[in-house]
């Protein structure tokens, strides 16, 4: 059975690029357009990994990560931050919130799949 990954990003084109790469790697993909929408997708189904942008309207990625970690069902779900932010302070803030990896845009699909494969165990 394929592993399910939730992509949270306000850019539809970026979600599409990530989804194509992940589906090509054999993963099922659920898409959300911001942190609020992302939380609404966490409805009890098994999510093996979350990929989230940092800068989004309504709820930013760091706030989203903190909210996910408060949800007992998803507390241990690994999260990759996919963002244009490369400052050390933002990375540390993301790590403190519970993010496991930080990938800076633009990225290569194989770079994303490599990060995903390290966090999604077979």
PDB file of N, CA and C in Angstrom:
ATOM      1  N   UNK A   1       0.832  -1.191   0.000  1.00  0.00           N
ATOM      2  CA  UNK A   1       0.000   0.000   0.000  1.00  0.00           C
ATOM      3  C   UNK A   1       0.875   1.253   0.000  1.00  0.00           C
ATOM      4  N   UNK A   2       0.509   2.223  -0.815  1.00  0.00           N
ATOM      5  CA  UNK A   2       1.310   3.449  -0.937  1.00  0.00           C
ATOM      6  C   UNK A   2       1.217   4.279   0.346  1.00  0.00           C
ATOM      7  N   UNK A   3       2.299   4.955   0.664  1.00  0.00           N
ATOM      8  CA  UNK A   3       2.340   5.873   1.804  1.00  0.00           C
ATOM      9  C   UNK A   3       1.704   7.191   1.378  1.00  0.00           C
ATOM     10  N   UNK A   4       1.037   7.856   2.321  1.00  0.00           N
ATOM     11  CA  UNK A   4       0.322   9.100   2.013  1.00  0.00           C
ATOM     12  C   UNK A   4       1.090  10.306   2.544  1.00  0.00           C
ATOM     13  N   UNK A   5       1.233  11.311   1.675  1.00  0.00           N
ATOM     14  CA  UNK A   5       1.948  12.536   2.032  1.00  0.00           C
ATOM     15  C   UNK A   5       1.019  13.726   1.830  1.00  0.00           C
ATOM     16  N   UNK A   6       0.970  14.601   2.825  1.00  0.00           N
ATOM     17  CA  UNK A   6       0.181  15.832   2.751  1.00  0.00           C
ATOM     18  C   UNK A   6       1.112  16.979   2.358  1.00  0.00           C
ATOM     19  N   UNK A   7       0.754  17.683   1.274  1.00  0.00           N
ATOM     20  CA  UNK A   7       1.510  18.860   0.829  1.00  0.00           C
ATOM     21  C   UNK A   7       0.690  20.096   1.197  1.00  0.00           C
ATOM     22  N   UNK A   8       1.297  21.021   1.939  1.00  0.00           N
ATOM     23  CA  UNK A   8       0.623  22.260   2.344  1.00  0.00           C
ATOM     24  C   UNK A   8       1.407  23.440   1.778  1.00  0.00           C
ATOM     25  N   UNK A   9       0.848  24.107   0.771  1.00  0.00           N
ATOM     26  CA  UNK A   9       1.527  25.240   0.146  1.00  0.00           C
ATOM     27  C   UNK A   9       0.478  26.097  -0.546  1.00  0.00           C
ATOM     28  N   UNK A  10       0.619  27.422  -0.435  1.00  0.00           N
ATOM     29  CA  UNK A  10      -0.365  28.309  -1.062  1.00  0.00           C
ATOM     30  C   UNK A  10      -0.151  28.445  -2.569  1.00  0.00           C
ATOM     31  N   UNK A  11       0.943  27.929  -3.092  1.00  0.00           N
ATOM     32  CA  UNK A  11       1.203  27.979  -4.533  1.00  0.00           C
ATOM     33  C   UNK A  11       0.705  26.697  -5.198  1.00  0.00           C
ATOM     34  N   UNK A  12      -0.347  26.818  -6.011  1.00  0.00           N
ATOM     35  CA  UNK A  12      -0.912  25.647  -6.697  1.00  0.00           C
ATOM     36  C   UNK A  12       0.123  25.009  -7.621  1.00  0.00           C
ATOM     37  N   UNK A  13       0.920  25.830  -8.297  1.00  0.00           N
ATOM     38  CA  UNK A  13       1.911  25.274  -9.228  1.00  0.00           C
ATOM     39  C   UNK A  13       2.987  24.504  -8.465  1.00  0.00           C
ATOM     40  N   UNK A  14       3.395  25.000  -7.300  1.00  0.00           N
ATOM     41  CA  UNK A  14       4.401  24.282  -6.519  1.00  0.00           C
ATOM     42  C   UNK A  14       3.824  22.968  -5.980  1.00  0.00           C
ATOM     43  N   UNK A  15       2.580  23.018  -5.499  1.00  0.00           N
ATOM     44  CA  UNK A  15       1.939  21.774  -5.033  1.00  0.00           C
ATOM     45  C   UNK A  15       1.928  20.748  -6.161  1.00  0.00           C
ATOM     46  N   UNK A  16       1.635  21.216  -7.361  1.00  0.00           N
ATOM     47  CA  UNK A  16       1.561  20.315  -8.513  1.00  0.00           C
ATOM     48  C   UNK A  16       2.920  19.683  -8.809  1.00  0.00           C
ATOM     49  N   UNK A  17       3.988  20.493  -8.790  1.00  0.00           N
ATOM     50  CA  UNK A  17       5.339  19.982  -9.054  1.00  0.00           C
ATOM     51  C   UNK A  17       5.726  18.936  -8.003  1.00  0.00           C
ATOM     52  N   UNK A  18       5.475  19.246  -6.743  1.00  0.00           N
ATOM     53  CA  UNK A  18       5.809  18.311  -5.658  1.00  0.00           C
ATOM     54  C   UNK A  18       4.963  17.039  -5.784  1.00  0.00           C
ATOM     55  N   UNK A  19       3.677  17.199  -6.063  1.00  0.00           N
ATOM     56  CA  UNK A  19       2.775  16.042  -6.187  1.00  0.00           C
ATOM     57  C   UNK A  19       3.207  15.121  -7.322  1.00  0.00           C
ATOM     58  N   UNK A  20       3.602  15.706  -8.453  1.00  0.00           N
ATOM     59  CA  UNK A  20       4.060  14.890  -9.591  1.00  0.00           C
ATOM     60  C   UNK A  20       5.302  14.088  -9.197  1.00  0.00           C
ATOM     61  N   UNK A  21       6.243  14.750  -8.531  1.00  0.00           N
ATOM     62  CA  UNK A  21       7.475  14.070  -8.093  1.00  0.00           C
ATOM     63  C   UNK A  21       7.143  12.934  -7.129  1.00  0.00           C
ATOM     64  N   UNK A  22       6.257  13.210  -6.170  1.00  0.00           N
ATOM     65  CA  UNK A  22       5.918  12.202  -5.157  1.00  0.00           C
ATOM     66  C   UNK A  22       5.138  11.036  -5.758  1.00  0.00           C
ATOM     67  N   UNK A  23       4.163  11.358  -6.612  1.00  0.00           N
ATOM     68  CA  UNK A  23       3.395  10.279  -7.254  1.00  0.00           C
ATOM     69  C   UNK A  23       4.318   9.419  -8.112  1.00  0.00           C
ATOM     70  N   UNK A  24       5.292  10.073  -8.764  1.00  0.00           N
ATOM     71  CA  UNK A  24       6.284   9.338  -9.550  1.00  0.00           C
ATOM     72  C   UNK A  24       7.119   8.417  -8.682  1.00  0.00           C
ATOM     73  N   UNK A  25       7.268   8.787  -7.410  1.00  0.00           N
ATOM     74  CA  UNK A  25       8.007   7.962  -6.452  1.00  0.00           C
ATOM     75  C   UNK A  25       7.128   6.917  -5.780  1.00  0.00           C
ATOM     76  N   UNK A  26       5.852   6.851  -6.185  1.00  0.00           N
ATOM     77  CA  UNK A  26       4.957   5.814  -5.665  1.00  0.00           C
ATOM     78  C   UNK A  26       4.147   6.207  -4.444  1.00  0.00           C
ATOM     79  N   UNK A  27       4.085   7.503  -4.127  1.00  0.00           N
ATOM     80  CA  UNK A  27       3.344   7.961  -2.953  1.00  0.00           C
ATOM     81  C   UNK A  27       1.953   8.455  -3.340  1.00  0.00           C
ATOM     82  N   UNK A  28       1.008   8.340  -2.398  1.00  0.00           N
ATOM     83  CA  UNK A  28      -0.298   8.988  -2.536  1.00  0.00           C
ATOM     84  C   UNK A  28      -0.146  10.403  -1.992  1.00  0.00           C
ATOM     85  N   UNK A  29      -0.851  11.355  -2.596  1.00  0.00           N
ATOM     86  CA  UNK A  29      -0.690  12.750  -2.219  1.00  0.00           C
ATOM     87  C   UNK A  29      -2.036  13.394  -1.903  1.00  0.00           C
ATOM     88  N   UNK A  30      -2.063  14.166  -0.818  1.00  0.00           N
ATOM     89  CA  UNK A  30      -3.210  15.008  -0.462  1.00  0.00           C
ATOM     90  C   UNK A  30      -2.675  16.437  -0.481  1.00  0.00           C
ATOM     91  N   UNK A  31      -3.440  17.374  -1.054  1.00  0.00           N
ATOM     92  CA  UNK A  31      -2.981  18.756  -1.149  1.00  0.00           C
ATOM     93  C   UNK A  31      -3.839  19.681  -0.286  1.00  0.00           C
ATOM     94  N   UNK A  32      -3.179  20.689   0.312  1.00  0.00           N
ATOM     95  CA  UNK A  32      -3.869  21.727   1.078  1.00  0.00           C
ATOM     96  C   UNK A  32      -3.254  23.069   0.707  1.00  0.00           C
ATOM     97  N   UNK A  33      -4.092  24.120   0.668  1.00  0.00           N
ATOM     98  CA  UNK A  33      -3.612  25.421   0.181  1.00  0.00           C
ATOM     99  C   UNK A  33      -3.097  26.354   1.271  1.00  0.00           C
ATOM    100  N   UNK A  34      -3.268  26.022   2.539  1.00  0.00           N
ATOM    101  CA  UNK A  34      -2.658  26.779   3.639  1.00  0.00           C
ATOM    102  C   UNK A  34      -2.744  25.945   4.911  1.00  0.00           C
ATOM    103  N   UNK A  35      -2.221  26.489   6.012  1.00  0.00           N
ATOM    104  CA  UNK A  35      -2.196  25.733   7.266  1.00  0.00           C
ATOM    105  C   UNK A  35      -3.575  25.355   7.772  1.00  0.00           C
ATOM    106  N   UNK A  36      -4.545  26.253   7.632  1.00  0.00           N
ATOM    107  CA  UNK A  36      -5.913  25.971   8.092  1.00  0.00           C
ATOM    108  C   UNK A  36      -6.487  24.798   7.299  1.00  0.00           C
ATOM    109  N   UNK A  37      -6.326  24.845   5.966  1.00  0.00           N
ATOM    110  CA  UNK A  37      -6.794  23.759   5.104  1.00  0.00           C
ATOM    111  C   UNK A  37      -6.037  22.470   5.429  1.00  0.00           C
ATOM    112  N   UNK A  38      -4.729  22.602   5.687  1.00  0.00           N
ATOM    113  CA  UNK A  38      -3.919  21.435   6.035  1.00  0.00           C
ATOM    114  C   UNK A  38      -4.428  20.744   7.288  1.00  0.00           C
ATOM    115  N   UNK A  39      -4.752  21.528   8.314  1.00  0.00           N
ATOM    116  CA  UNK A  39      -5.287  20.942   9.557  1.00  0.00           C
ATOM    117  C   UNK A  39      -6.613  20.242   9.300  1.00  0.00           C
ATOM    118  N   UNK A  40      -7.425  20.801   8.396  1.00  0.00           N
ATOM    119  CA  UNK A  40      -8.729  20.182   8.110  1.00  0.00           C
ATOM    120  C   UNK A  40      -8.566  18.827   7.423  1.00  0.00           C
ATOM    121  N   UNK A  41      -7.416  18.606   6.767  1.00  0.00           N
ATOM    122  CA  UNK A  41      -7.162  17.321   6.091  1.00  0.00           C
ATOM    123  C   UNK A  41      -6.700  16.249   7.075  1.00  0.00           C
ATOM    124  N   UNK A  42      -6.298  16.665   8.274  1.00  0.00           N
ATOM    125  CA  UNK A  42      -5.865  15.708   9.301  1.00  0.00           C
ATOM    126  C   UNK A  42      -7.099  15.209  10.043  1.00  0.00           C
ATOM    127  N   UNK A  43      -7.844  14.347   9.372  1.00  0.00           N
ATOM    128  CA  UNK A  43      -9.152  13.920   9.879  1.00  0.00           C
ATOM    129  C   UNK A  43      -9.163  12.464  10.322  1.00  0.00           C
ATOM    130  N   UNK A  44      -8.013  11.976  10.770  1.00  0.00           N
ATOM    131  CA  UNK A  44      -7.963  10.616  11.292  1.00  0.00           C
ATOM    132  C   UNK A  44      -7.314   9.632  10.344  1.00  0.00           C
ATOM    133  N   UNK A  45      -7.216   9.960   9.062  1.00  0.00           N
ATOM    134  CA  UNK A  45      -6.555   9.035   8.138  1.00  0.00           C
ATOM    135  C   UNK A  45      -5.051   9.040   8.402  1.00  0.00           C
ATOM    136  N   UNK A  46      -4.390   7.963   8.024  1.00  0.00           N
ATOM    137  CA  UNK A  46      -2.940   7.846   8.247  1.00  0.00           C
ATOM    138  C   UNK A  46      -2.200   8.729   7.252  1.00  0.00           C
ATOM    139  N   UNK A  47      -1.420   9.662   7.777  1.00  0.00           N
ATOM    140  CA  UNK A  47      -0.547  10.508   6.966  1.00  0.00           C
ATOM    141  C   UNK A  47       0.874  10.129   7.374  1.00  0.00           C
ATOM    142  N   UNK A  48       1.701   9.733   6.413  1.00  0.00           N
ATOM    143  CA  UNK A  48       3.043   9.261   6.727  1.00  0.00           C
ATOM    144  C   UNK A  48       4.071  10.382   6.783  1.00  0.00           C
ATOM    145  N   UNK A  49       3.753  11.519   6.131  1.00  0.00           N
ATOM    146  CA  UNK A  49       4.682  12.642   6.080  1.00  0.00           C
ATOM    147  C   UNK A  49       3.916  13.892   5.665  1.00  0.00           C
ATOM    148  N   UNK A  50       4.363  15.047   6.156  1.00  0.00           N
ATOM    149  CA  UNK A  50       3.785  16.329   5.750  1.00  0.00           C
ATOM    150  C   UNK A  50       4.913  17.185   5.173  1.00  0.00           C
ATOM    151  N   UNK A  51       4.630  17.818   4.032  1.00  0.00           N
ATOM    152  CA  UNK A  51       5.559  18.789   3.443  1.00  0.00           C
ATOM    153  C   UNK A  51       4.834  20.123   3.487  1.00  0.00           C
ATOM    154  N   UNK A  52       5.429  21.119   4.154  1.00  0.00           N
ATOM    155  CA  UNK A  52       4.745  22.399   4.332  1.00  0.00           C
ATOM    156  C   UNK A  52       5.630  23.585   3.969  1.00  0.00           C
ATOM    157  N   UNK A  53       5.011  24.571   3.328  1.00  0.00           N
ATOM    158  CA  UNK A  53       5.650  25.862   3.085  1.00  0.00           C
ATOM    159  C   UNK A  53       5.709  26.605   4.425  1.00  0.00           C
ATOM    160  N   UNK A  54       6.534  27.646   4.504  1.00  0.00           N
ATOM    161  CA  UNK A  54       6.586  28.480   5.711  1.00  0.00           C
ATOM    162  C   UNK A  54       5.666  29.687   5.560  1.00  0.00           C
ATOM    163  N   UNK A  55       5.824  30.430   4.459  1.00  0.00           N
ATOM    164  CA  UNK A  55       5.063  31.664   4.259  1.00  0.00           C
ATOM    165  C   UNK A  55       3.767  31.399   3.510  1.00  0.00           C
ATOM    166  N   UNK A  56       2.651  31.418   4.255  1.00  0.00           N
ATOM    167  CA  UNK A  56       1.325  31.183   3.666  1.00  0.00           C
ATOM    168  C   UNK A  56       0.318  32.117   4.334  1.00  0.00           C
ATOM    169  N   UNK A  57      -0.762  32.463   3.621  1.00  0.00           N
ATOM    170  CA  UNK A  57      -1.823  33.262   4.247  1.00  0.00           C
ATOM    171  C   UNK A  57      -2.617  32.415   5.254  1.00  0.00           C
ATOM    172  N   UNK A  58      -3.398  33.058   6.076  1.00  0.00           N
ATOM    173  CA  UNK A  58      -4.293  32.431   7.074  1.00  0.00           C
ATOM    174  C   UNK A  58      -3.561  31.755   8.226  1.00  0.00           C
ATOM    175  N   UNK A  59      -2.644  30.835   7.922  1.00  0.00           N
ATOM    176  CA  UNK A  59      -1.830  30.195   8.959  1.00  0.00           C
ATOM    177  C   UNK A  59      -0.489  29.841   8.341  1.00  0.00           C
ATOM    178  N   UNK A  60       0.585  30.409   8.890  1.00  0.00           N
ATOM    179  CA  UNK A  60       1.909  30.133   8.329  1.00  0.00           C
ATOM    180  C   UNK A  60       2.378  28.732   8.715  1.00  0.00           C
ATOM    181  N   UNK A  61       3.455  28.286   8.079  1.00  0.00           N
ATOM    182  CA  UNK A  61       3.942  26.923   8.263  1.00  0.00           C
ATOM    183  C   UNK A  61       4.396  26.591   9.667  1.00  0.00           C
ATOM    184  N   UNK A  62       5.055  27.542  10.342  1.00  0.00           N
ATOM    185  CA  UNK A  62       5.543  27.282  11.711  1.00  0.00           C
ATOM    186  C   UNK A  62       4.350  27.085  12.648  1.00  0.00           C
ATOM    187  N   UNK A  63       3.333  27.936  12.528  1.00  0.00           N
ATOM    188  CA  UNK A  63       2.116  27.798  13.345  1.00  0.00           C
ATOM    189  C   UNK A  63       1.424  26.479  13.024  1.00  0.00           C
ATOM    190  N   UNK A  64       1.404  26.111  11.744  1.00  0.00           N
ATOM    191  CA  UNK A  64       0.806  24.839  11.310  1.00  0.00           C
ATOM    192  C   UNK A  64       1.531  23.655  11.956  1.00  0.00           C
ATOM    193  N   UNK A  65       2.867  23.673  11.926  1.00  0.00           N
ATOM    194  CA  UNK A  65       3.650  22.578  12.524  1.00  0.00           C
ATOM    195  C   UNK A  65       3.328  22.447  14.012  1.00  0.00           C
ATOM    196  N   UNK A  66       3.286  23.577  14.711  1.00  0.00           N
ATOM    197  CA  UNK A  66       2.965  23.547  16.143  1.00  0.00           C
ATOM    198  C   UNK A  66       1.587  22.938  16.379  1.00  0.00           C
ATOM    199  N   UNK A  67       0.610  23.300  15.533  1.00  0.00           N
ATOM    200  CA  UNK A  67      -0.753  22.767  15.672  1.00  0.00           C
ATOM    201  C   UNK A  67      -0.782  21.262  15.410  1.00  0.00           C
ATOM    202  N   UNK A  68      -0.034  20.808  14.396  1.00  0.00           N
ATOM    203  CA  UNK A  68       0.024  19.368  14.089  1.00  0.00           C
ATOM    204  C   UNK A  68       0.589  18.613  15.284  1.00  0.00           C
ATOM    205  N   UNK A  69       1.642  19.147  15.887  1.00  0.00           N
ATOM    206  CA  UNK A  69       2.303  18.464  17.007  1.00  0.00           C
ATOM    207  C   UNK A  69       1.412  18.415  18.253  1.00  0.00           C
ATOM    208  N   UNK A  70       0.382  19.280  18.313  1.00  0.00           N
ATOM    209  CA  UNK A  70      -0.580  19.247  19.426  1.00  0.00           C
ATOM    210  C   UNK A  70      -1.645  18.166  19.225  1.00  0.00           C
ATOM    211  N   UNK A  71      -1.757  17.654  18.001  1.00  0.00           N
ATOM    212  CA  UNK A  71      -2.761  16.649  17.661  1.00  0.00           C
ATOM    213  C   UNK A  71      -2.163  15.270  17.943  1.00  0.00           C
ATOM    214  N   UNK A  72      -2.703  14.554  18.915  1.00  0.00           N
ATOM    215  CA  UNK A  72      -2.139  13.273  19.348  1.00  0.00           C
ATOM    216  C   UNK A  72      -1.977  12.283  18.196  1.00  0.00           C
ATOM    217  N   UNK A  73      -2.914  12.267  17.261  1.00  0.00           N
ATOM    218  CA  UNK A  73      -2.869  11.304  16.154  1.00  0.00           C
ATOM    219  C   UNK A  73      -1.714  11.586  15.189  1.00  0.00           C
ATOM    220  N   UNK A  74      -1.240  12.833  15.153  1.00  0.00           N
ATOM    221  CA  UNK A  74      -0.207  13.219  14.182  1.00  0.00           C
ATOM    222  C   UNK A  74       1.073  13.755  14.837  1.00  0.00           C
ATOM    223  N   UNK A  75       1.143  13.603  16.160  1.00  0.00           N
ATOM    224  CA  UNK A  75       2.264  14.139  16.938  1.00  0.00           C
ATOM    225  C   UNK A  75       3.620  13.662  16.417  1.00  0.00           C
ATOM    226  N   UNK A  76       3.683  12.417  15.939  1.00  0.00           N
ATOM    227  CA  UNK A  76       4.955  11.840  15.512  1.00  0.00           C
ATOM    228  C   UNK A  76       5.101  11.795  13.992  1.00  0.00           C
ATOM    229  N   UNK A  77       4.189  12.438  13.267  1.00  0.00           N
ATOM    230  CA  UNK A  77       4.288  12.486  11.809  1.00  0.00           C
ATOM    231  C   UNK A  77       5.439  13.417  11.430  1.00  0.00           C
ATOM    232  N   UNK A  78       6.422  12.926  10.646  1.00  0.00           N
ATOM    233  CA  UNK A  78       7.533  13.802  10.270  1.00  0.00           C
ATOM    234  C   UNK A  78       7.081  14.921   9.327  1.00  0.00           C
ATOM    235  N   UNK A  79       7.707  16.083   9.461  1.00  0.00           N
ATOM    236  CA  UNK A  79       7.350  17.244   8.651  1.00  0.00           C
ATOM    237  C   UNK A  79       8.602  17.811   7.996  1.00  0.00           C
ATOM    238  N   UNK A  80       8.509  18.032   6.676  1.00  0.00           N
ATOM    239  CA  UNK A  80       9.571  18.705   5.920  1.00  0.00           C
ATOM    240  C   UNK A  80       9.073  20.106   5.605  1.00  0.00           C
ATOM    241  N   UNK A  81       9.874  21.112   5.902  1.00  0.00           N
ATOM    242  CA  UNK A  81       9.549  22.480   5.516  1.00  0.00           C
ATOM    243  C   UNK A  81      10.157  22.713   4.135  1.00  0.00           C
ATOM    244  N   UNK A  82       9.328  23.152   3.199  1.00  0.00           N
ATOM    245  CA  UNK A  82       9.769  23.452   1.836  1.00  0.00           C
ATOM    246  C   UNK A  82       9.520  24.935   1.622  1.00  0.00           C
ATOM    247  N   UNK A  83      10.594  25.725   1.521  1.00  0.00           N
ATOM    248  CA  UNK A  83      10.431  27.169   1.596  1.00  0.00           C
ATOM    249  C   UNK A  83      11.541  27.927   0.896  1.00  0.00           C
ATOM    250  N   UNK A  84      11.301  29.193   0.637  1.00  0.00           N
ATOM    251  CA  UNK A  84      12.350  30.078   0.115  1.00  0.00           C
ATOM    252  C   UNK A  84      13.211  30.612   1.260  1.00  0.00           C
ATOM    253  N   UNK A  85      12.764  30.407   2.493  1.00  0.00           N
ATOM    254  CA  UNK A  85      13.500  30.903   3.674  1.00  0.00           C
ATOM    255  C   UNK A  85      14.764  30.073   3.899  1.00  0.00           C
ATOM    256  N   UNK A  86      15.900  30.744   3.966  1.00  0.00           N
ATOM    257  CA  UNK A  86      17.136  30.002   4.229  1.00  0.00           C
ATOM    258  C   UNK A  86      17.882  30.535   5.454  1.00  0.00           C
ATOM    259  N   UNK A  87      17.297  31.514   6.141  1.00  0.00           N
ATOM    260  CA  UNK A  87      17.958  32.057   7.333  1.00  0.00           C
ATOM    261  C   UNK A  87      17.997  31.024   8.454  1.00  0.00           C
ATOM    262  N   UNK A  88      19.118  31.013   9.146  1.00  0.00           N
ATOM    263  CA  UNK A  88      19.314  30.062  10.238  1.00  0.00           C
ATOM    264  C   UNK A  88      18.244  30.219  11.320  1.00  0.00           C
ATOM    265  N   UNK A  89      17.852  31.462  11.607  1.00  0.00           N
ATOM    266  CA  UNK A  89      16.836  31.708  12.637  1.00  0.00           C
ATOM    267  C   UNK A  89      15.513  31.037  12.312  1.00  0.00           C
ATOM    268  N   UNK A  90      15.090  31.147  11.048  1.00  0.00           N
ATOM    269  CA  UNK A  90      13.836  30.499  10.626  1.00  0.00           C
ATOM    270  C   UNK A  90      13.951  28.990  10.732  1.00  0.00           C
ATOM    271  N   UNK A  91      15.108  28.454  10.317  1.00  0.00           N
ATOM    272  CA  UNK A  91      15.321  26.997  10.395  1.00  0.00           C
ATOM    273  C   UNK A  91      15.218  26.522  11.842  1.00  0.00           C
ATOM    274  N   UNK A  92      15.851  27.280  12.744  1.00  0.00           N
ATOM    275  CA  UNK A  92      15.821  26.903  14.158  1.00  0.00           C
ATOM    276  C   UNK A  92      14.398  26.979  14.704  1.00  0.00           C
ATOM    277  N   UNK A  93      13.662  27.994  14.269  1.00  0.00           N
ATOM    278  CA  UNK A  93      12.263  28.133  14.686  1.00  0.00           C
ATOM    279  C   UNK A  93      11.449  26.927  14.193  1.00  0.00           C
ATOM    280  N   UNK A  94      11.695  26.518  12.953  1.00  0.00           N
ATOM    281  CA  UNK A  94      11.018  25.348  12.383  1.00  0.00           C
ATOM    282  C   UNK A  94      11.357  24.070  13.134  1.00  0.00           C
ATOM    283  N   UNK A  95      12.637  23.903  13.446  1.00  0.00           N
ATOM    284  CA  UNK A  95      13.070  22.720  14.195  1.00  0.00           C
ATOM    285  C   UNK A  95      12.440  22.708  15.580  1.00  0.00           C
ATOM    286  N   UNK A  96      12.437  23.856  16.235  1.00  0.00           N
ATOM    287  CA  UNK A  96      11.855  23.953  17.576  1.00  0.00           C
ATOM    288  C   UNK A  96      10.368  23.608  17.545  1.00  0.00           C
ATOM    289  N   UNK A  97       9.693  23.972  16.454  1.00  0.00           N
ATOM    290  CA  UNK A  97       8.264  23.671  16.321  1.00  0.00           C
ATOM    291  C   UNK A  97       8.034  22.185  16.064  1.00  0.00           C
ATOM    292  N   UNK A  98       9.040  21.490  15.500  1.00  0.00           N
ATOM    293  CA  UNK A  98       8.903  20.057  15.269  1.00  0.00           C
ATOM    294  C   UNK A  98       9.221  19.593  13.858  1.00  0.00           C
ATOM    295  N   UNK A  99       9.694  20.494  12.991  1.00  0.00           N
ATOM    296  CA  UNK A  99      10.051  20.087  11.628  1.00  0.00           C
ATOM    297  C   UNK A  99      11.306  19.219  11.652  1.00  0.00           C
ATOM    298  N   UNK A 100      11.325  18.187  10.815  1.00  0.00           N
ATOM    299  CA  UNK A 100      12.458  17.255  10.774  1.00  0.00           C
ATOM    300  C   UNK A 100      13.478  17.613   9.705  1.00  0.00           C
ATOM    301  N   UNK A 101      13.050  18.327   8.650  1.00  0.00           N
ATOM    302  CA  UNK A 101      13.968  18.660   7.559  1.00  0.00           C
ATOM    303  C   UNK A 101      13.566  20.007   6.972  1.00  0.00           C
ATOM    304  N   UNK A 102      14.521  20.625   6.279  1.00  0.00           N
ATOM    305  CA  UNK A 102      14.313  21.956   5.708  1.00  0.00           C
ATOM    306  C   UNK A 102      14.836  21.917   4.281  1.00  0.00           C
ATOM    307  N   UNK A 103      13.968  22.048   3.295  1.00  0.00           N
ATOM    308  CA  UNK A 103      14.374  22.044   1.889  1.00  0.00           C
ATOM    309  C   UNK A 103      14.086  23.428   1.318  1.00  0.00           C
ATOM    310  N   UNK A 104      15.106  24.047   0.709  1.00  0.00           N
ATOM    311  CA  UNK A 104      14.961  25.398   0.186  1.00  0.00           C
ATOM    312  C   UNK A 104      14.572  25.357  -1.293  1.00  0.00           C
ATOM    313  N   UNK A 105      13.561  26.179  -1.656  1.00  0.00           N
ATOM    314  CA  UNK A 105      13.143  26.313  -3.051  1.00  0.00           C
ATOM    315  C   UNK A 105      14.145  27.214  -3.767  1.00  0.00           C
ATOM    316  N   UNK A 106      14.401  27.039  -5.033  1.00  0.00           N
ATOM    317  CA  UNK A 106      13.911  25.933  -5.862  1.00  0.00           C
ATOM    318  C   UNK A 106      14.640  24.643  -5.490  1.00  0.00           C
ATOM    319  N   UNK A 107      14.012  23.528  -5.728  1.00  0.00           N
ATOM    320  CA  UNK A 107      14.581  22.231  -5.374  1.00  0.00           C
ATOM    321  C   UNK A 107      14.484  21.309  -6.586  1.00  0.00           C
ATOM    322  N   UNK A 108      15.287  20.265  -6.552  1.00  0.00           N
ATOM    323  CA  UNK A 108      15.209  19.242  -7.602  1.00  0.00           C
ATOM    324  C   UNK A 108      14.298  18.130  -7.087  1.00  0.00           C
ATOM    325  N   UNK A 109      13.424  17.591  -7.953  1.00  0.00           N
ATOM    326  CA  UNK A 109      12.523  16.510  -7.497  1.00  0.00           C
ATOM    327  C   UNK A 109      13.265  15.360  -6.824  1.00  0.00           C
ATOM    328  N   UNK A 110      14.445  14.996  -7.346  1.00  0.00           N
ATOM    329  CA  UNK A 110      15.175  13.876  -6.725  1.00  0.00           C
ATOM    330  C   UNK A 110      15.672  14.236  -5.331  1.00  0.00           C
ATOM    331  N   UNK A 111      15.945  15.534  -5.100  1.00  0.00           N
ATOM    332  CA  UNK A 111      16.350  16.007  -3.765  1.00  0.00           C
ATOM    333  C   UNK A 111      15.168  15.826  -2.798  1.00  0.00           C
ATOM    334  N   UNK A 112      13.974  16.187  -3.259  1.00  0.00           N
ATOM    335  CA  UNK A 112      12.773  16.030  -2.431  1.00  0.00           C
ATOM    336  C   UNK A 112      12.515  14.548  -2.133  1.00  0.00           C
ATOM    337  N   UNK A 113      12.592  13.704  -3.157  1.00  0.00           N
ATOM    338  CA  UNK A 113      12.348  12.271  -2.955  1.00  0.00           C
ATOM    339  C   UNK A 113      13.371  11.654  -2.011  1.00  0.00           C
ATOM    340  N   UNK A 114      14.618  12.117  -2.066  1.00  0.00           N
ATOM    341  CA  UNK A 114      15.653  11.606  -1.161  1.00  0.00           C
ATOM    342  C   UNK A 114      15.316  11.973   0.283  1.00  0.00           C
ATOM    343  N   UNK A 115      14.888  13.221   0.507  1.00  0.00           N
ATOM    344  CA  UNK A 115      14.513  13.660   1.856  1.00  0.00           C
ATOM    345  C   UNK A 115      13.299  12.867   2.345  1.00  0.00           C
ATOM    346  N   UNK A 116      12.323  12.671   1.462  1.00  0.00           N
ATOM    347  CA  UNK A 116      11.105  11.931   1.818  1.00  0.00           C
ATOM    348  C   UNK A 116      11.459  10.477   2.187  1.00  0.00           C
ATOM    349  N   UNK A 117      12.297   9.842   1.380  1.00  0.00           N
ATOM    350  CA  UNK A 117      12.609   8.431   1.629  1.00  0.00           C
ATOM    351  C   UNK A 117      13.337   8.217   2.952  1.00  0.00           C
ATOM    352  N   UNK A 118      14.040   9.258   3.436  1.00  0.00           N
ATOM    353  CA  UNK A 118      14.726   9.150   4.736  1.00  0.00           C
ATOM    354  C   UNK A 118      13.726   9.211   5.893  1.00  0.00           C
ATOM    355  N   UNK A 119      12.595   9.860   5.660  1.00  0.00           N
ATOM    356  CA  UNK A 119      11.630  10.071   6.750  1.00  0.00           C
ATOM    357  C   UNK A 119      10.416   9.138   6.692  1.00  0.00           C
ATOM    358  N   UNK A 120      10.141   8.572   5.510  1.00  0.00           N
ATOM    359  CA  UNK A 120       8.998   7.657   5.373  1.00  0.00           C
ATOM    360  C   UNK A 120       9.578   6.249   5.297  1.00  0.00           C
ATOM    361  N   UNK A 121       9.394   5.508   6.353  1.00  0.00           N
ATOM    362  CA  UNK A 121       9.955   4.156   6.389  1.00  0.00           C
ATOM    363  C   UNK A 121       9.033   3.180   5.664  1.00  0.00           C
ATOM    364  N   UNK A 122       9.634   2.191   4.984  1.00  0.00           N
ATOM    365  CA  UNK A 122       8.807   1.237   4.221  1.00  0.00           C
ATOM    366  C   UNK A 122       7.901   0.411   5.111  1.00  0.00           C
TER     367      UNK A 122
END
